[in-house]
Amino acid sequence: MKIIALPDLHNEPTSLSKIGNTLSKVDLVLLVGDLTNGGPAQDAVEVVQLVRRFNSSILAIPGNWDTSAVEGYLLRENINLHRRHIQLGGLTFIGMGLSLPGIVPTPNEITEADFENFFAEVASSLNPGEPEILICHQPPYGTQNDLAQGKVHVGSKSVRAFIEQRQPFICFTGHIHEGVGIDQIGSTRIVNPGPISEGYYAYAEVTASGVQTIEVRAI
């Protein structure tokens, strides 16, 4: 399965058209939170419609800048993976949106306890031994991908605990714009490509046997 992951559009979808040809050639497009910048659901509508010009196979999670109205739109479109999982191409895709509170208040934040409870709910319905991919807006704690301004780890310990326990093939993440790169927790590859709004995205080729390719790409 060929996958493109797009975090942090922040209502600036112009970069999507520049990778339209690439989007059209993959099996799945993942919108990894912050489709909008705190605006109305119509902002998310425009993002999703633009992606659908090139590829109709989309899964999405809301980020901390996406309001409850945006989350409702994603649910109505049947593409919202937040607190859910779905099986595609022999892989189980698990979604977890939103983020921990930051310095600047944003519309859709939760606590570490919330993350822990939500992950427990999801894990209770997962089958052991099936290959998994995690899509999580909030990066795990203690990685290259959660280093704010290159100095302070601001990721979630609950996200990290879930990864340590489940060992999904990949965790696609975002949120921390400067936390760009590919890191690893156990056998799990953690990838934060940086914001698509600034011209970055993640590309991966994955089968039920494992990760064949994973890259951070620039437009």
C-alpha atoms as a PDB file:
ATOM      1  CA  MET A   1       0.000   0.000   0.000  1.00  0.00           C
ATOM      2  CA  LYS A   2       1.278   3.430  -0.976  1.00  0.00           C
ATOM      3  CA  ILE A   3       0.431   6.169   1.534  1.00  0.00           C
ATOM      4  CA  ILE A   4       0.832   9.935   1.731  1.00  0.00           C
ATOM      5  CA  ALA A   5       0.420  11.649   5.123  1.00  0.00           C
ATOM      6  CA  LEU A   6      -0.352  15.374   5.285  1.00  0.00           C
ATOM      7  CA  PRO A   7      -0.244  17.064   8.695  1.00  0.00           C
ATOM      8  CA  ASP A   8      -0.938  20.687   9.535  1.00  0.00           C
ATOM      9  CA  LEU A   9      -2.536  22.242   6.472  1.00  0.00           C
ATOM     10  CA  HIS A  10      -3.853  25.112   8.630  1.00  0.00           C
ATOM     11  CA  ASN A  11      -6.309  26.220   5.962  1.00  0.00           C
ATOM     12  CA  GLU A  12      -3.531  26.801   3.433  1.00  0.00           C
ATOM     13  CA  PRO A  13      -4.254  24.045   0.885  1.00  0.00           C
ATOM     14  CA  THR A  14      -2.413  25.598  -2.058  1.00  0.00           C
ATOM     15  CA  SER A  15       0.485  23.160  -1.613  1.00  0.00           C
ATOM     16  CA  LEU A  16      -1.846  20.253  -2.334  1.00  0.00           C
ATOM     17  CA  SER A  17      -2.236  21.171  -5.981  1.00  0.00           C
ATOM     18  CA  LYS A  18       1.538  21.038  -6.390  1.00  0.00           C
ATOM     19  CA  ILE A  19       1.578  17.352  -5.410  1.00  0.00           C
ATOM     20  CA  GLY A  20      -1.688  16.474  -7.145  1.00  0.00           C
ATOM     21  CA  ASN A  21      -0.009  14.035  -9.532  1.00  0.00           C
ATOM     22  CA  THR A  22       1.650  12.236  -6.609  1.00  0.00           C
ATOM     23  CA  LEU A  23      -1.597  12.162  -4.614  1.00  0.00           C
ATOM     24  CA  SER A  24      -3.365  10.527  -7.528  1.00  0.00           C
ATOM     25  CA  LYS A  25      -0.911   7.617  -7.580  1.00  0.00           C
ATOM     26  CA  VAL A  26      -1.180   6.439  -3.957  1.00  0.00           C
ATOM     27  CA  ASP A  27      -3.680   4.088  -2.340  1.00  0.00           C
ATOM     28  CA  LEU A  28      -4.476   6.254   0.686  1.00  0.00           C
ATOM     29  CA  VAL A  29      -4.180   9.881   1.769  1.00  0.00           C
ATOM     30  CA  LEU A  30      -3.998  10.579   5.506  1.00  0.00           C
ATOM     31  CA  LEU A  31      -4.910  14.029   6.843  1.00  0.00           C
ATOM     32  CA  VAL A  32      -3.049  14.113  10.141  1.00  0.00           C
ATOM     33  CA  GLY A  33      -4.888  16.919  11.941  1.00  0.00           C
ATOM     34  CA  ASP A  34      -5.092  20.714  11.790  1.00  0.00           C
ATOM     35  CA  LEU A  35      -6.856  20.825   8.456  1.00  0.00           C
ATOM     36  CA  THR A  36      -8.048  24.267   9.523  1.00  0.00           C
ATOM     37  CA  ASN A  37      -6.803  27.122  11.640  1.00  0.00           C
ATOM     38  CA  GLY A  38      -9.694  27.378  14.065  1.00  0.00           C
ATOM     39  CA  GLY A  39     -12.174  28.291  11.345  1.00  0.00           C
ATOM     40  CA  PRO A  40     -15.579  26.867  10.373  1.00  0.00           C
ATOM     41  CA  ALA A  41     -16.325  23.447   8.943  1.00  0.00           C
ATOM     42  CA  GLN A  42     -16.357  24.973   5.449  1.00  0.00           C
ATOM     43  CA  ASP A  43     -12.583  25.362   5.686  1.00  0.00           C
ATOM     44  CA  ALA A  44     -12.261  21.592   6.120  1.00  0.00           C
ATOM     45  CA  VAL A  45     -14.751  21.032   3.304  1.00  0.00           C
ATOM     46  CA  GLU A  46     -12.476  22.949   0.938  1.00  0.00           C
ATOM     47  CA  VAL A  47      -9.419  20.934   1.999  1.00  0.00           C
ATOM     48  CA  VAL A  48     -11.146  17.566   1.618  1.00  0.00           C
ATOM     49  CA  GLN A  49     -12.710  18.514  -1.724  1.00  0.00           C
ATOM     50  CA  LEU A  50      -9.309  19.569  -3.035  1.00  0.00           C
ATOM     51  CA  VAL A  51      -7.735  16.256  -2.013  1.00  0.00           C
ATOM     52  CA  ARG A  52     -10.648  14.405  -3.634  1.00  0.00           C
ATOM     53  CA  ARG A  53      -9.843  16.065  -6.943  1.00  0.00           C
ATOM     54  CA  PHE A  54      -6.797  13.802  -6.990  1.00  0.00           C
ATOM     55  CA  ASN A  55      -7.680  10.874  -4.720  1.00  0.00           C
ATOM     56  CA  SER A  56     -10.961   9.761  -3.140  1.00  0.00           C
ATOM     57  CA  SER A  57      -9.358   7.382  -0.616  1.00  0.00           C
ATOM     58  CA  ILE A  58      -8.996   9.590   2.480  1.00  0.00           C
ATOM     59  CA  LEU A  59      -8.831   9.097   6.232  1.00  0.00           C
ATOM     60  CA  ALA A  60      -8.556  12.056   8.608  1.00  0.00           C
ATOM     61  CA  ILE A  61      -8.183  13.012  12.246  1.00  0.00           C
ATOM     62  CA  PRO A  62      -8.925  16.419  13.770  1.00  0.00           C
ATOM     63  CA  GLY A  63      -6.087  18.414  15.255  1.00  0.00           C
ATOM     64  CA  ASN A  64      -6.117  20.860  18.127  1.00  0.00           C
ATOM     65  CA  TRP A  65      -6.941  23.729  15.733  1.00  0.00           C
ATOM     66  CA  ASP A  66      -9.932  21.866  14.262  1.00  0.00           C
ATOM     67  CA  THR A  67     -13.218  22.734  15.982  1.00  0.00           C
ATOM     68  CA  SER A  68     -15.994  20.327  16.924  1.00  0.00           C
ATOM     69  CA  ALA A  69     -17.821  21.482  13.767  1.00  0.00           C
ATOM     70  CA  VAL A  70     -14.862  20.293  11.680  1.00  0.00           C
ATOM     71  CA  GLU A  71     -14.855  16.973  13.517  1.00  0.00           C
ATOM     72  CA  GLY A  72     -18.589  16.658  12.835  1.00  0.00           C
ATOM     73  CA  TYR A  73     -18.017  17.239   9.126  1.00  0.00           C
ATOM     74  CA  LEU A  74     -15.337  14.517   9.019  1.00  0.00           C
ATOM     75  CA  LEU A  75     -17.777  12.140  10.722  1.00  0.00           C
ATOM     76  CA  ARG A  76     -20.541  12.901   8.231  1.00  0.00           C
ATOM     77  CA  GLU A  77     -18.124  12.255   5.386  1.00  0.00           C
ATOM     78  CA  ASN A  78     -17.249   8.894   6.978  1.00  0.00           C
ATOM     79  CA  ILE A  79     -13.526   9.677   6.908  1.00  0.00           C
ATOM     80  CA  ASN A  80     -12.986  10.526  10.598  1.00  0.00           C
ATOM     81  CA  LEU A  81     -10.585   8.028  12.203  1.00  0.00           C
ATOM     82  CA  HIS A  82     -10.376   9.760  15.596  1.00  0.00           C
ATOM     83  CA  ARG A  83     -10.777   7.157  18.382  1.00  0.00           C
ATOM     84  CA  ARG A  84     -11.531   4.534  15.720  1.00  0.00           C
ATOM     85  CA  HIS A  85      -9.781   1.919  13.634  1.00  0.00           C
ATOM     86  CA  ILE A  86     -10.324   0.493  10.175  1.00  0.00           C
ATOM     87  CA  GLN A  87      -8.797  -2.353   8.199  1.00  0.00           C
ATOM     88  CA  LEU A  88      -7.473  -1.634   4.724  1.00  0.00           C
ATOM     89  CA  GLY A  89      -5.104  -3.641   2.576  1.00  0.00           C
ATOM     90  CA  GLY A  90      -4.264  -6.104   5.340  1.00  0.00           C
ATOM     91  CA  LEU A  91      -3.376  -3.271   7.750  1.00  0.00           C
ATOM     92  CA  THR A  92      -5.248  -1.853  10.743  1.00  0.00           C
ATOM     93  CA  PHE A  93      -5.260   1.956  10.752  1.00  0.00           C
ATOM     94  CA  ILE A  94      -5.759   3.531  14.199  1.00  0.00           C
ATOM     95  CA  GLY A  95      -6.563   7.211  14.628  1.00  0.00           C
ATOM     96  CA  MET A  96      -6.142   9.622  17.525  1.00  0.00           C
ATOM     97  CA  GLY A  97      -6.636  13.343  17.036  1.00  0.00           C
ATOM     98  CA  LEU A  98      -6.407  16.524  19.132  1.00  0.00           C
ATOM     99  CA  SER A  99      -3.452  17.504  21.346  1.00  0.00           C
ATOM    100  CA  LEU A 100      -2.305  18.298  24.836  1.00  0.00           C
ATOM    101  CA  PRO A 101      -2.771  21.899  26.029  1.00  0.00           C
ATOM    102  CA  GLY A 102      -0.039  24.201  24.826  1.00  0.00           C
ATOM    103  CA  ILE A 103       1.162  27.705  25.573  1.00  0.00           C
ATOM    104  CA  VAL A 104      -1.490  29.173  23.270  1.00  0.00           C
ATOM    105  CA  PRO A 105      -5.043  27.861  23.905  1.00  0.00           C
ATOM    106  CA  THR A 106      -6.579  26.116  20.884  1.00  0.00           C
ATOM    107  CA  PRO A 107     -10.105  24.828  20.202  1.00  0.00           C
ATOM    108  CA  ASN A 108      -9.624  21.073  20.650  1.00  0.00           C
ATOM    109  CA  GLU A 109      -7.302  20.030  23.487  1.00  0.00           C
ATOM    110  CA  ILE A 110      -7.364  17.069  25.851  1.00  0.00           C
ATOM    111  CA  THR A 111      -5.323  15.839  28.815  1.00  0.00           C
ATOM    112  CA  GLU A 112      -2.890  12.959  29.214  1.00  0.00           C
ATOM    113  CA  ALA A 113      -5.638  11.125  31.125  1.00  0.00           C
ATOM    114  CA  ASP A 114      -7.962  11.576  28.142  1.00  0.00           C
ATOM    115  CA  PHE A 115      -5.361  10.158  25.773  1.00  0.00           C
ATOM    116  CA  GLU A 116      -4.808   7.196  28.087  1.00  0.00           C
ATOM    117  CA  ASN A 117      -8.546   6.482  28.335  1.00  0.00           C
ATOM    118  CA  PHE A 118      -9.149   6.902  24.603  1.00  0.00           C
ATOM    119  CA  PHE A 119      -6.283   4.576  23.721  1.00  0.00           C
ATOM    120  CA  ALA A 120      -7.584   1.988  26.190  1.00  0.00           C
ATOM    121  CA  GLU A 121     -10.985   2.124  24.487  1.00  0.00           C
ATOM    122  CA  VAL A 122      -9.462   1.644  21.051  1.00  0.00           C
ATOM    123  CA  ALA A 123      -7.121  -1.136  22.185  1.00  0.00           C
ATOM    124  CA  SER A 124     -10.012  -3.119  23.661  1.00  0.00           C
ATOM    125  CA  SER A 125     -11.401  -3.728  20.169  1.00  0.00           C
ATOM    126  CA  LEU A 126      -8.138  -4.468  18.380  1.00  0.00           C
ATOM    127  CA  ASN A 127      -7.127  -7.974  17.410  1.00  0.00           C
ATOM    128  CA  PRO A 128      -3.709  -9.093  18.658  1.00  0.00           C
ATOM    129  CA  GLY A 129      -1.088  -9.803  16.066  1.00  0.00           C
ATOM    130  CA  GLU A 130      -2.566  -7.727  13.244  1.00  0.00           C
ATOM    131  CA  PRO A 131      -0.181  -5.213  11.636  1.00  0.00           C
ATOM    132  CA  GLU A 132      -1.095  -1.665  12.664  1.00  0.00           C
ATOM    133  CA  ILE A 133      -0.452   1.912  11.604  1.00  0.00           C
ATOM    134  CA  LEU A 134      -1.129   4.785  14.012  1.00  0.00           C
ATOM    135  CA  ILE A 135      -2.217   8.240  12.855  1.00  0.00           C
ATOM    136  CA  CYS A 136      -1.828  10.586  15.828  1.00  0.00           C
ATOM    137  CA  HIS A 137      -1.704  14.381  15.668  1.00  0.00           C
ATOM    138  CA  GLN A 138       0.087  14.650  19.029  1.00  0.00           C
ATOM    139  CA  PRO A 139       3.585  13.141  18.777  1.00  0.00           C
ATOM    140  CA  PRO A 140       4.894  10.728  21.391  1.00  0.00           C
ATOM    141  CA  TYR A 141       7.071  12.044  24.179  1.00  0.00           C
ATOM    142  CA  GLY A 142      10.863  11.894  24.019  1.00  0.00           C
ATOM    143  CA  THR A 143      11.437  11.758  20.277  1.00  0.00           C
ATOM    144  CA  GLN A 144      12.884  13.966  17.582  1.00  0.00           C
ATOM    145  CA  ASN A 145       9.303  14.651  16.543  1.00  0.00           C
ATOM    146  CA  ASP A 146       8.140  16.366  19.744  1.00  0.00           C
ATOM    147  CA  LEU A 147      11.054  18.749  20.233  1.00  0.00           C
ATOM    148  CA  ALA A 148       9.600  22.253  20.399  1.00  0.00           C
ATOM    149  CA  GLN A 149      12.100  24.804  19.109  1.00  0.00           C
ATOM    150  CA  GLY A 150      14.671  22.023  19.272  1.00  0.00           C
ATOM    151  CA  LYS A 151      14.893  22.305  23.059  1.00  0.00           C
ATOM    152  CA  VAL A 152      11.925  20.873  24.971  1.00  0.00           C
ATOM    153  CA  HIS A 153      10.055  17.592  24.571  1.00  0.00           C
ATOM    154  CA  VAL A 154       6.327  18.390  24.557  1.00  0.00           C
ATOM    155  CA  GLY A 155       4.885  15.087  23.349  1.00  0.00           C
ATOM    156  CA  SER A 156       2.448  12.774  25.085  1.00  0.00           C
ATOM    157  CA  LYS A 157       3.610  10.019  27.406  1.00  0.00           C
ATOM    158  CA  SER A 158       0.286   8.242  26.866  1.00  0.00           C
ATOM    159  CA  VAL A 159       0.880   8.191  23.112  1.00  0.00           C
ATOM    160  CA  ARG A 160       4.358   6.815  23.717  1.00  0.00           C
ATOM    161  CA  ALA A 161       3.013   4.123  26.073  1.00  0.00           C
ATOM    162  CA  PHE A 162       0.494   2.998  23.449  1.00  0.00           C
ATOM    163  CA  ILE A 163       3.254   2.759  20.847  1.00  0.00           C
ATOM    164  CA  GLU A 164       5.536   0.846  23.195  1.00  0.00           C
ATOM    165  CA  GLN A 165       2.739  -1.614  23.924  1.00  0.00           C
ATOM    166  CA  ARG A 166       1.299  -2.077  20.421  1.00  0.00           C
ATOM    167  CA  GLN A 167       4.410  -1.489  18.264  1.00  0.00           C
ATOM    168  CA  PRO A 168       2.590  -0.345  15.130  1.00  0.00           C
ATOM    169  CA  PHE A 169       4.643  -0.328  11.965  1.00  0.00           C
ATOM    170  CA  ILE A 170       4.444   3.477  11.683  1.00  0.00           C
ATOM    171  CA  CYS A 171       3.137   6.416  13.692  1.00  0.00           C
ATOM    172  CA  PHE A 172       2.303   9.318  11.370  1.00  0.00           C
ATOM    173  CA  THR A 173       2.257  12.501  13.419  1.00  0.00           C
ATOM    174  CA  GLY A 174       2.547  16.291  13.191  1.00  0.00           C
ATOM    175  CA  HIS A 175       1.534  19.188  15.480  1.00  0.00           C
ATOM    176  CA  ILE A 176       5.096  20.260  16.357  1.00  0.00           C
ATOM    177  CA  HIS A 177       6.054  22.019  13.139  1.00  0.00           C
ATOM    178  CA  GLU A 178       9.768  21.984  13.843  1.00  0.00           C
ATOM    179  CA  GLY A 179       9.838  18.313  14.959  1.00  0.00           C
ATOM    180  CA  VAL A 180      10.624  17.151  11.442  1.00  0.00           C
ATOM    181  CA  GLY A 181      12.164  13.763  10.781  1.00  0.00           C
ATOM    182  CA  ILE A 182      11.897  10.028  11.241  1.00  0.00           C
ATOM    183  CA  ASP A 183      12.555   8.578  14.681  1.00  0.00           C
ATOM    184  CA  GLN A 184      11.945   5.183  16.244  1.00  0.00           C
ATOM    185  CA  ILE A 185      10.378   3.680  19.370  1.00  0.00           C
ATOM    186  CA  GLY A 186      11.166  -0.015  19.454  1.00  0.00           C
ATOM    187  CA  SER A 187      10.277  -1.255  15.980  1.00  0.00           C
ATOM    188  CA  THR A 188       7.848   1.617  15.304  1.00  0.00           C
ATOM    189  CA  ARG A 189       8.923   4.332  12.895  1.00  0.00           C
ATOM    190  CA  ILE A 190       7.738   7.785  14.004  1.00  0.00           C
ATOM    191  CA  VAL A 191       7.447  10.295  11.164  1.00  0.00           C
ATOM    192  CA  ASN A 192       6.644  13.993  11.366  1.00  0.00           C
ATOM    193  CA  PRO A 193       7.274  15.479   7.923  1.00  0.00           C
ATOM    194  CA  GLY A 194       6.503  19.032   8.976  1.00  0.00           C
ATOM    195  CA  PRO A 195       3.512  21.033   7.786  1.00  0.00           C
ATOM    196  CA  ILE A 196       2.115  20.464   4.327  1.00  0.00           C
ATOM    197  CA  SER A 197       1.271  24.178   4.520  1.00  0.00           C
ATOM    198  CA  GLU A 198       5.039  24.759   4.325  1.00  0.00           C
ATOM    199  CA  GLY A 199       5.579  22.203   1.555  1.00  0.00           C
ATOM    200  CA  TYR A 200       6.366  18.955   3.375  1.00  0.00           C
ATOM    201  CA  TYR A 201       4.679  15.561   3.489  1.00  0.00           C
ATOM    202  CA  ALA A 202       5.374  11.926   4.322  1.00  0.00           C
ATOM    203  CA  TYR A 203       5.399   9.060   1.840  1.00  0.00           C
ATOM    204  CA  ALA A 204       5.375   5.384   2.771  1.00  0.00           C
ATOM    205  CA  GLU A 205       4.999   2.002   1.152  1.00  0.00           C
ATOM    206  CA  VAL A 206       3.731  -0.626   3.588  1.00  0.00           C
ATOM    207  CA  THR A 207       2.511  -4.205   3.352  1.00  0.00           C
ATOM    208  CA  ALA A 208       1.231  -6.605   5.982  1.00  0.00           C
ATOM    209  CA  SER A 209       4.825  -7.834   6.227  1.00  0.00           C
ATOM    210  CA  GLY A 210       6.313  -4.458   7.147  1.00  0.00           C
ATOM    211  CA  VAL A 211       7.514  -1.061   5.976  1.00  0.00           C
ATOM    212  CA  GLN A 212       9.133  -1.076   2.548  1.00  0.00           C
ATOM    213  CA  THR A 213       9.746   2.683   2.228  1.00  0.00           C
ATOM    214  CA  ILE A 214       9.250   5.707   4.463  1.00  0.00           C
ATOM    215  CA  GLU A 215      10.360   9.214   3.542  1.00  0.00           C
ATOM    216  CA  VAL A 216       9.957  12.870   4.397  1.00  0.00           C
ATOM    217  CA  ARG A 217       9.487  14.739   1.136  1.00  0.00           C
ATOM    218  CA  ALA A 218       9.555  18.395   0.152  1.00  0.00           C
ATOM    219  CA  ILE A 219       7.516  19.832  -2.689  1.00  0.00           C
END
